[in-house]
Amino acid sequence: MDCDYRWSHGRRDQLSGRYAEALTRLCSFFKMNNQPAYAAECLHRLLAIAPDSEKDGRELIKLYLEGGNRSGAMKVFKELERSVRERLDIELEDETARLYLEMISSSSGSGRMP
């Protein structure tokens, strides 16, 4: 028996958008209340929905760098770069490329942005 659930695609997309919006708001709330671990979890969930979202990826990279987690930031960057190339077949946005250059040229060794 072959079932056709195409009727549900619009509703699924609508709910997915609302979920992403809620995660974005939660992330902002957690950042404002100095809870970076919870903010990072929201960003990870957003990237699970849209792994090629450079805006969310950059935000997570910055959050990791602010917390001194340079290896985590680098891991997010590499995964973001892979997703953008595989899914969209384009280069990273200039802002993302600049963030990467700043990250690798940081000479402090602390993993924090200059």
N, C-alpha and C. Protein backbone atom coordinates (compact mmCIF):
# COMPACT_ATOMS: atom_id res chain seq x y z
N MET A 1 0.84 -1.18 0.00
CA MET A 1 0.00 0.00 0.00
C MET A 1 0.89 1.24 0.00
N ASP A 2 0.67 2.11 -0.97
CA ASP A 2 1.48 3.31 -1.13
C ASP A 2 0.68 4.52 -0.67
N CYS A 3 1.11 5.16 0.39
CA CYS A 3 0.39 6.32 0.93
C CYS A 3 1.02 7.61 0.41
N ASP A 4 0.20 8.59 0.19
CA ASP A 4 0.67 9.87 -0.33
C ASP A 4 0.39 10.96 0.72
N TYR A 5 1.45 11.46 1.31
CA TYR A 5 1.31 12.48 2.36
C TYR A 5 1.80 13.84 1.90
N ARG A 6 1.75 14.09 0.60
CA ARG A 6 2.22 15.38 0.10
C ARG A 6 1.43 16.54 0.67
N TRP A 7 0.21 16.29 1.07
CA TRP A 7 -0.63 17.33 1.66
C TRP A 7 0.00 17.90 2.92
N SER A 8 0.86 17.13 3.57
CA SER A 8 1.43 17.55 4.85
C SER A 8 2.70 18.38 4.70
N HIS A 9 3.27 18.46 3.52
CA HIS A 9 4.55 19.16 3.33
C HIS A 9 4.47 20.63 3.72
N GLY A 10 3.41 21.30 3.32
CA GLY A 10 3.27 22.72 3.66
C GLY A 10 3.21 22.94 5.16
N ARG A 11 2.44 22.11 5.83
CA ARG A 11 2.32 22.23 7.29
C ARG A 11 3.65 21.92 7.97
N ARG A 12 4.35 20.90 7.47
CA ARG A 12 5.66 20.54 8.02
C ARG A 12 6.63 21.71 7.90
N ASP A 13 6.65 22.34 6.71
CA ASP A 13 7.53 23.47 6.49
C ASP A 13 7.18 24.64 7.41
N GLN A 14 5.88 24.86 7.61
CA GLN A 14 5.43 25.93 8.50
C GLN A 14 5.89 25.67 9.94
N LEU A 15 5.71 24.45 10.40
CA LEU A 15 6.12 24.10 11.77
C LEU A 15 7.63 24.16 11.93
N SER A 16 8.35 23.74 10.91
CA SER A 16 9.81 23.80 10.96
C SER A 16 10.28 25.25 11.08
N GLY A 17 9.63 26.14 10.34
CA GLY A 17 9.98 27.56 10.42
C GLY A 17 9.70 28.14 11.80
N ARG A 18 8.58 27.74 12.38
CA ARG A 18 8.24 28.23 13.72
C ARG A 18 9.22 27.70 14.76
N TYR A 19 9.64 26.45 14.60
CA TYR A 19 10.62 25.85 15.50
C TYR A 19 11.95 26.60 15.41
N ALA A 20 12.38 26.90 14.18
CA ALA A 20 13.62 27.65 13.99
C ALA A 20 13.53 29.04 14.61
N GLU A 21 12.38 29.68 14.45
CA GLU A 21 12.18 31.00 15.04
C GLU A 21 12.25 30.93 16.57
N ALA A 22 11.64 29.91 17.15
CA ALA A 22 11.68 29.75 18.61
C ALA A 22 13.10 29.51 19.09
N LEU A 23 13.86 28.70 18.35
CA LEU A 23 15.26 28.44 18.73
C LEU A 23 16.09 29.72 18.64
N THR A 24 15.83 30.54 17.64
CA THR A 24 16.56 31.80 17.49
C THR A 24 16.27 32.73 18.66
N ARG A 25 15.01 32.79 19.05
CA ARG A 25 14.65 33.64 20.20
C ARG A 25 15.25 33.10 21.50
N LEU A 26 15.21 31.79 21.66
CA LEU A 26 15.82 31.20 22.86
C LEU A 26 17.32 31.48 22.91
N CYS A 27 17.96 31.36 21.77
CA CYS A 27 19.40 31.63 21.71
C CYS A 27 19.69 33.06 22.17
N SER A 28 18.94 34.01 21.67
CA SER A 28 19.12 35.41 22.07
C SER A 28 18.90 35.58 23.57
N PHE A 29 17.85 34.95 24.08
CA PHE A 29 17.56 35.02 25.51
C PHE A 29 18.73 34.47 26.33
N PHE A 30 19.24 33.30 25.95
CA PHE A 30 20.33 32.69 26.70
C PHE A 30 21.61 33.52 26.61
N LYS A 31 21.86 34.12 25.46
CA LYS A 31 23.05 34.97 25.34
C LYS A 31 22.92 36.21 26.22
N MET A 32 21.74 36.81 26.24
CA MET A 32 21.52 38.00 27.07
C MET A 32 21.63 37.69 28.55
N ASN A 33 21.33 36.45 28.92
CA ASN A 33 21.36 36.05 30.32
C ASN A 33 22.62 35.26 30.67
N ASN A 34 23.65 35.44 29.86
CA ASN A 34 24.96 34.87 30.11
C ASN A 34 24.91 33.35 30.34
N GLN A 35 24.22 32.67 29.44
CA GLN A 35 24.14 31.20 29.48
C GLN A 35 24.58 30.65 28.12
N PRO A 36 25.89 30.76 27.85
CA PRO A 36 26.38 30.38 26.52
C PRO A 36 26.20 28.91 26.17
N ALA A 37 26.20 28.02 27.14
CA ALA A 37 26.02 26.60 26.82
C ALA A 37 24.63 26.35 26.25
N TYR A 38 23.61 27.00 26.81
CA TYR A 38 22.25 26.84 26.31
C TYR A 38 22.10 27.52 24.94
N ALA A 39 22.76 28.66 24.78
CA ALA A 39 22.73 29.35 23.48
C ALA A 39 23.37 28.46 22.41
N ALA A 40 24.49 27.84 22.77
CA ALA A 40 25.17 26.95 21.82
C ALA A 40 24.29 25.76 21.45
N GLU A 41 23.56 25.23 22.40
CA GLU A 41 22.65 24.11 22.11
C GLU A 41 21.57 24.54 21.13
N CYS A 42 21.02 25.72 21.29
CA CYS A 42 20.03 26.23 20.34
C CYS A 42 20.63 26.36 18.94
N LEU A 43 21.84 26.86 18.86
CA LEU A 43 22.50 27.01 17.56
C LEU A 43 22.79 25.66 16.92
N HIS A 44 23.18 24.70 17.73
CA HIS A 44 23.40 23.34 17.19
C HIS A 44 22.10 22.79 16.61
N ARG A 45 21.00 23.02 17.29
CA ARG A 45 19.71 22.53 16.79
C ARG A 45 19.30 23.25 15.52
N LEU A 46 19.59 24.55 15.45
CA LEU A 46 19.31 25.29 14.22
C LEU A 46 20.14 24.74 13.06
N LEU A 47 21.40 24.44 13.33
CA LEU A 47 22.26 23.90 12.28
C LEU A 47 21.86 22.47 11.90
N ALA A 48 21.22 21.76 12.79
CA ALA A 48 20.71 20.43 12.44
C ALA A 48 19.57 20.56 11.44
N ILE A 49 18.79 21.61 11.55
CA ILE A 49 17.69 21.87 10.62
C ILE A 49 18.23 22.38 9.29
N ALA A 50 19.15 23.33 9.37
CA ALA A 50 19.71 23.97 8.18
C ALA A 50 21.23 24.01 8.30
N PRO A 51 21.91 22.91 7.98
CA PRO A 51 23.36 22.85 8.16
C PRO A 51 24.15 23.83 7.30
N ASP A 52 23.50 24.44 6.32
CA ASP A 52 24.19 25.40 5.47
C ASP A 52 23.87 26.85 5.86
N SER A 53 23.32 27.07 7.04
CA SER A 53 23.01 28.41 7.52
C SER A 53 24.28 29.09 8.04
N GLU A 54 24.85 29.93 7.20
CA GLU A 54 26.09 30.59 7.60
C GLU A 54 25.87 31.55 8.77
N LYS A 55 24.72 32.20 8.81
CA LYS A 55 24.43 33.12 9.91
C LYS A 55 24.50 32.39 11.25
N ASP A 56 23.83 31.25 11.35
CA ASP A 56 23.84 30.49 12.59
C ASP A 56 25.21 29.88 12.86
N GLY A 57 25.88 29.44 11.83
CA GLY A 57 27.21 28.88 11.98
C GLY A 57 28.20 29.92 12.51
N ARG A 58 28.14 31.11 11.92
CA ARG A 58 29.04 32.18 12.40
C ARG A 58 28.77 32.52 13.86
N GLU A 59 27.50 32.55 14.20
CA GLU A 59 27.14 32.88 15.59
C GLU A 59 27.69 31.83 16.55
N LEU A 60 27.60 30.56 16.17
CA LEU A 60 28.12 29.50 17.02
C LEU A 60 29.65 29.56 17.09
N ILE A 61 30.29 29.83 15.98
CA ILE A 61 31.75 29.96 15.97
C ILE A 61 32.18 31.08 16.93
N LYS A 62 31.52 32.23 16.82
CA LYS A 62 31.85 33.36 17.70
C LYS A 62 31.62 33.02 19.16
N LEU A 63 30.54 32.33 19.43
CA LEU A 63 30.23 31.93 20.80
C LEU A 63 31.33 31.02 21.36
N TYR A 64 31.75 30.06 20.55
CA TYR A 64 32.83 29.17 20.98
C TYR A 64 34.13 29.94 21.19
N LEU A 65 34.45 30.85 20.29
CA LEU A 65 35.69 31.61 20.44
C LEU A 65 35.65 32.49 21.69
N GLU A 66 34.52 33.10 21.96
CA GLU A 66 34.38 33.93 23.16
C GLU A 66 34.58 33.10 24.42
N GLY A 67 34.21 31.84 24.36
CA GLY A 67 34.37 30.95 25.51
C GLY A 67 35.71 30.23 25.54
N GLY A 68 36.57 30.53 24.56
CA GLY A 68 37.90 29.92 24.53
C GLY A 68 37.94 28.53 23.90
N ASN A 69 36.89 28.14 23.21
CA ASN A 69 36.83 26.82 22.59
C ASN A 69 37.18 26.92 21.10
N ARG A 70 38.44 27.12 20.84
CA ARG A 70 38.90 27.29 19.46
C ARG A 70 38.71 26.02 18.63
N SER A 71 38.95 24.86 19.22
CA SER A 71 38.79 23.62 18.46
C SER A 71 37.31 23.39 18.10
N GLY A 72 36.41 23.74 19.00
CA GLY A 72 34.98 23.64 18.70
C GLY A 72 34.59 24.59 17.59
N ALA A 73 35.15 25.79 17.62
CA ALA A 73 34.88 26.78 16.57
C ALA A 73 35.38 26.28 15.22
N MET A 74 36.56 25.70 15.21
CA MET A 74 37.13 25.19 13.97
C MET A 74 36.30 24.03 13.43
N LYS A 75 35.82 23.18 14.31
CA LYS A 75 34.99 22.05 13.89
C LYS A 75 33.69 22.55 13.26
N VAL A 76 33.07 23.55 13.86
CA VAL A 76 31.84 24.13 13.32
C VAL A 76 32.13 24.74 11.95
N PHE A 77 33.23 25.46 11.83
CA PHE A 77 33.57 26.07 10.55
C PHE A 77 33.73 25.02 9.46
N LYS A 78 34.47 23.98 9.74
CA LYS A 78 34.71 22.95 8.73
C LYS A 78 33.41 22.26 8.31
N GLU A 79 32.55 21.98 9.26
CA GLU A 79 31.26 21.36 8.94
C GLU A 79 30.38 22.31 8.14
N LEU A 80 30.40 23.58 8.50
CA LEU A 80 29.64 24.59 7.77
C LEU A 80 30.15 24.70 6.33
N GLU A 81 31.45 24.76 6.18
CA GLU A 81 32.04 24.86 4.85
C GLU A 81 31.65 23.65 3.99
N ARG A 82 31.71 22.47 4.57
CA ARG A 82 31.34 21.25 3.84
C ARG A 82 29.87 21.29 3.44
N SER A 83 29.00 21.67 4.36
CA SER A 83 27.57 21.71 4.08
C SER A 83 27.23 22.71 2.98
N VAL A 84 27.84 23.88 3.04
CA VAL A 84 27.56 24.91 2.03
C VAL A 84 28.01 24.44 0.65
N ARG A 85 29.17 23.83 0.59
CA ARG A 85 29.66 23.36 -0.71
C ARG A 85 28.85 22.19 -1.24
N GLU A 86 28.51 21.24 -0.38
CA GLU A 86 27.76 20.07 -0.83
C GLU A 86 26.31 20.39 -1.16
N ARG A 87 25.67 21.17 -0.32
CA ARG A 87 24.24 21.42 -0.50
C ARG A 87 23.94 22.53 -1.48
N LEU A 88 24.78 23.56 -1.49
CA LEU A 88 24.51 24.74 -2.32
C LEU A 88 25.47 24.91 -3.49
N ASP A 89 26.60 24.20 -3.43
CA ASP A 89 27.63 24.28 -4.47
C ASP A 89 28.11 25.71 -4.69
N ILE A 90 28.34 26.41 -3.57
CA ILE A 90 28.85 27.78 -3.62
C ILE A 90 29.96 27.93 -2.59
N GLU A 91 30.66 29.04 -2.69
CA GLU A 91 31.69 29.39 -1.71
C GLU A 91 31.02 30.04 -0.51
N LEU A 92 31.75 30.06 0.59
CA LEU A 92 31.25 30.72 1.80
C LEU A 92 31.13 32.23 1.59
N GLU A 93 30.21 32.84 2.32
CA GLU A 93 30.05 34.28 2.28
C GLU A 93 31.33 34.95 2.77
N ASP A 94 31.57 36.17 2.31
CA ASP A 94 32.76 36.91 2.70
C ASP A 94 32.89 37.04 4.22
N GLU A 95 31.78 37.30 4.88
CA GLU A 95 31.80 37.46 6.34
C GLU A 95 32.28 36.19 7.04
N THR A 96 31.87 35.04 6.53
CA THR A 96 32.29 33.76 7.11
C THR A 96 33.76 33.53 6.83
N ALA A 97 34.21 33.84 5.63
CA ALA A 97 35.62 33.68 5.27
C ALA A 97 36.50 34.59 6.13
N ARG A 98 36.04 35.83 6.36
CA ARG A 98 36.81 36.75 7.21
C ARG A 98 36.91 36.23 8.64
N LEU A 99 35.82 35.69 9.14
CA LEU A 99 35.83 35.13 10.49
C LEU A 99 36.85 34.00 10.59
N TYR A 100 36.90 33.16 9.58
CA TYR A 100 37.88 32.07 9.56
C TYR A 100 39.30 32.63 9.55
N LEU A 101 39.56 33.62 8.71
CA LEU A 101 40.90 34.21 8.64
C LEU A 101 41.29 34.83 9.98
N GLU A 102 40.35 35.49 10.63
CA GLU A 102 40.62 36.06 11.96
C GLU A 102 40.91 34.95 12.96
N MET A 103 40.18 33.86 12.84
CA MET A 103 40.34 32.75 13.77
C MET A 103 41.73 32.12 13.63
N ILE A 104 42.17 31.90 12.39
CA ILE A 104 43.47 31.23 12.21
C ILE A 104 44.64 32.18 12.41
N SER A 105 44.41 33.49 12.25
CA SER A 105 45.51 34.42 12.43
C SER A 105 45.64 34.93 13.86
N SER A 106 44.70 34.54 14.70
CA SER A 106 44.75 34.95 16.09
C SER A 106 46.03 34.40 16.72
N SER A 107 46.88 35.29 17.16
CA SER A 107 48.18 34.85 17.68
C SER A 107 48.19 34.70 19.20
N SER A 108 47.07 34.99 19.84
CA SER A 108 47.07 34.93 21.31
C SER A 108 47.13 33.51 21.82
N GLY A 109 46.63 32.55 21.01
CA GLY A 109 46.65 31.15 21.46
C GLY A 109 45.55 30.84 22.45
N SER A 110 44.79 31.85 22.86
CA SER A 110 43.73 31.61 23.82
C SER A 110 42.43 31.19 23.16
N GLY A 111 42.36 31.36 21.82
CA GLY A 111 41.14 31.02 21.12
C GLY A 111 40.14 32.16 21.12
N ARG A 112 40.51 33.29 21.71
CA ARG A 112 39.59 34.43 21.75
C ARG A 112 39.86 35.33 20.56
N MET A 113 38.81 35.97 20.10
CA MET A 113 38.94 36.90 18.98
C MET A 113 39.69 38.14 19.45
N PRO A 114 40.49 38.73 18.56
CA PRO A 114 41.21 39.97 18.94
C PRO A 114 40.25 41.12 19.11
